[in-house]
Amino acid sequence: MKTEIVTTLKRHATKLLEELHQEKEPILITEHGKPSAYLVDVDHFEQIQQKLKLLEGLARGEKAVLDDRVVSHDEAAKRMSRWLD
């Protein structure tokens, strides 16, 4: 992963964006030697968002199982039929 200082971003934003689109690798932006932000390609960002939604759904499902908030397949089908009919 490439690292750039914030001054480079300010002075060469167009060049950095061009590199970002070509290489598809995030760029770490630092301020005063410390990480400040990541510059990521739009497609990469959207993929990350989709993965997060999936992981959040899985976590909710695991919590439901742990909390014993589950129903049988037949009961689930019966409940869903109300919306699908």
C-alpha atoms as a PDB file:
ATOM      1  CA  MET A   1       0.000   0.000   0.000  1.00  0.00           C
ATOM      2  CA  LYS A   2       1.233   3.424  -0.900  1.00  0.00           C
ATOM      3  CA  THR A   3       1.584   6.125   1.749  1.00  0.00           C
ATOM      4  CA  GLU A   4       1.507   9.857   1.037  1.00  0.00           C
ATOM      5  CA  ILE A   5       1.597  12.960   3.182  1.00  0.00           C
ATOM      6  CA  VAL A   6      -1.411  15.255   3.169  1.00  0.00           C
ATOM      7  CA  THR A   7       0.612  17.964   1.393  1.00  0.00           C
ATOM      8  CA  THR A   8       1.090  15.637  -1.576  1.00  0.00           C
ATOM      9  CA  LEU A   9      -2.663  15.072  -1.671  1.00  0.00           C
ATOM     10  CA  LYS A  10      -3.270  18.827  -1.662  1.00  0.00           C
ATOM     11  CA  ARG A  11      -0.741  19.533  -4.402  1.00  0.00           C
ATOM     12  CA  HIS A  12      -1.176  16.464  -6.603  1.00  0.00           C
ATOM     13  CA  ALA A  13      -4.736  15.249  -6.064  1.00  0.00           C
ATOM     14  CA  THR A  14      -5.390  14.633  -9.758  1.00  0.00           C
ATOM     15  CA  LYS A  15      -2.215  12.566 -10.133  1.00  0.00           C
ATOM     16  CA  LEU A  16      -2.985  10.532  -6.996  1.00  0.00           C
ATOM     17  CA  LEU A  17      -6.535   9.863  -8.179  1.00  0.00           C
ATOM     18  CA  GLU A  18      -5.230   8.702 -11.554  1.00  0.00           C
ATOM     19  CA  GLU A  19      -2.823   6.294  -9.824  1.00  0.00           C
ATOM     20  CA  LEU A  20      -5.630   5.114  -7.562  1.00  0.00           C
ATOM     21  CA  HIS A  21      -7.891   4.301 -10.510  1.00  0.00           C
ATOM     22  CA  GLN A  22      -5.098   2.467 -12.338  1.00  0.00           C
ATOM     23  CA  GLU A  23      -3.617   0.499  -9.441  1.00  0.00           C
ATOM     24  CA  LYS A  24      -6.820  -0.054  -7.404  1.00  0.00           C
ATOM     25  CA  GLU A  25      -4.710   0.059  -4.209  1.00  0.00           C
ATOM     26  CA  PRO A  26      -5.709   2.272  -1.275  1.00  0.00           C
ATOM     27  CA  ILE A  27      -3.429   5.178  -0.421  1.00  0.00           C
ATOM     28  CA  LEU A  28      -2.759   5.957   3.226  1.00  0.00           C
ATOM     29  CA  ILE A  29      -2.699   9.707   3.872  1.00  0.00           C
ATOM     30  CA  THR A  30      -0.637  10.873   6.836  1.00  0.00           C
ATOM     31  CA  GLU A  31      -0.551  14.137   8.760  1.00  0.00           C
ATOM     32  CA  HIS A  32       2.422  14.953  10.958  1.00  0.00           C
ATOM     33  CA  GLY A  33       3.667  11.400  10.476  1.00  0.00           C
ATOM     34  CA  LYS A  34       0.474   9.769  11.714  1.00  0.00           C
ATOM     35  CA  PRO A  35      -2.218   7.956   9.706  1.00  0.00           C
ATOM     36  CA  SER A  36      -5.108  10.293   8.947  1.00  0.00           C
ATOM     37  CA  ALA A  37      -7.217   8.776   6.154  1.00  0.00           C
ATOM     38  CA  TYR A  38      -7.364   6.228   3.377  1.00  0.00           C
ATOM     39  CA  LEU A  39      -8.027   7.201  -0.201  1.00  0.00           C
ATOM     40  CA  VAL A  40      -9.834   4.301  -1.892  1.00  0.00           C
ATOM     41  CA  ASP A  41     -11.331   3.633  -5.292  1.00  0.00           C
ATOM     42  CA  VAL A  42     -15.141   3.885  -5.418  1.00  0.00           C
ATOM     43  CA  ASP A  43     -15.581   0.245  -6.511  1.00  0.00           C
ATOM     44  CA  HIS A  44     -13.358  -0.952  -3.667  1.00  0.00           C
ATOM     45  CA  PHE A  45     -15.271   1.159  -1.143  1.00  0.00           C
ATOM     46  CA  GLU A  46     -18.622  -0.207  -2.348  1.00  0.00           C
ATOM     47  CA  GLN A  47     -17.325  -3.788  -2.091  1.00  0.00           C
ATOM     48  CA  ILE A  48     -16.238  -3.101   1.486  1.00  0.00           C
ATOM     49  CA  GLN A  49     -19.695  -1.721   2.301  1.00  0.00           C
ATOM     50  CA  GLN A  50     -21.393  -4.832   0.862  1.00  0.00           C
ATOM     51  CA  LYS A  51     -19.106  -7.111   2.881  1.00  0.00           C
ATOM     52  CA  LEU A  52     -19.854  -5.151   6.053  1.00  0.00           C
ATOM     53  CA  LYS A  53     -23.605  -5.512   5.499  1.00  0.00           C
ATOM     54  CA  LEU A  54     -23.191  -9.258   5.047  1.00  0.00           C
ATOM     55  CA  LEU A  55     -21.054  -9.579   8.185  1.00  0.00           C
ATOM     56  CA  GLU A  56     -23.547  -7.503  10.199  1.00  0.00           C
ATOM     57  CA  GLY A  57     -26.362  -9.787   9.046  1.00  0.00           C
ATOM     58  CA  LEU A  58     -24.378 -12.868  10.023  1.00  0.00           C
ATOM     59  CA  ALA A  59     -23.640 -11.354  13.431  1.00  0.00           C
ATOM     60  CA  ARG A  60     -27.355 -10.645  13.978  1.00  0.00           C
ATOM     61  CA  GLY A  61     -28.143 -14.247  13.028  1.00  0.00           C
ATOM     62  CA  GLU A  62     -25.532 -15.625  15.414  1.00  0.00           C
ATOM     63  CA  LYS A  63     -26.878 -13.438  18.217  1.00  0.00           C
ATOM     64  CA  ALA A  64     -30.416 -14.654  17.504  1.00  0.00           C
ATOM     65  CA  VAL A  65     -29.230 -18.253  17.824  1.00  0.00           C
ATOM     66  CA  LEU A  66     -27.401 -17.491  21.072  1.00  0.00           C
ATOM     67  CA  ASP A  67     -30.492 -15.702  22.428  1.00  0.00           C
ATOM     68  CA  ASP A  68     -32.644 -18.677  21.376  1.00  0.00           C
ATOM     69  CA  ARG A  69     -34.701 -16.499  19.030  1.00  0.00           C
ATOM     70  CA  VAL A  70     -35.043 -19.122  16.312  1.00  0.00           C
ATOM     71  CA  VAL A  71     -37.927 -20.994  14.716  1.00  0.00           C
ATOM     72  CA  SER A  72     -38.179 -24.220  12.748  1.00  0.00           C
ATOM     73  CA  HIS A  73     -38.111 -24.215   8.982  1.00  0.00           C
ATOM     74  CA  ASP A  74     -41.827 -25.047   8.857  1.00  0.00           C
ATOM     75  CA  GLU A  75     -42.668 -22.156  11.184  1.00  0.00           C
ATOM     76  CA  ALA A  76     -40.507 -19.757   9.172  1.00  0.00           C
ATOM     77  CA  ALA A  77     -42.192 -20.860   5.923  1.00  0.00           C
ATOM     78  CA  LYS A  78     -45.606 -20.394   7.530  1.00  0.00           C
ATOM     79  CA  ARG A  79     -44.722 -16.862   8.675  1.00  0.00           C
ATOM     80  CA  MET A  80     -43.217 -15.936   5.311  1.00  0.00           C
ATOM     81  CA  SER A  81     -46.248 -17.200   3.409  1.00  0.00           C
ATOM     82  CA  ARG A  82     -48.233 -14.293   4.853  1.00  0.00           C
ATOM     83  CA  TRP A  83     -46.061 -11.878   2.887  1.00  0.00           C
ATOM     84  CA  LEU A  84     -45.548 -14.000  -0.190  1.00  0.00           C
ATOM     85  CA  ASP A  85     -49.153 -14.952  -0.931  1.00  0.00           C
END
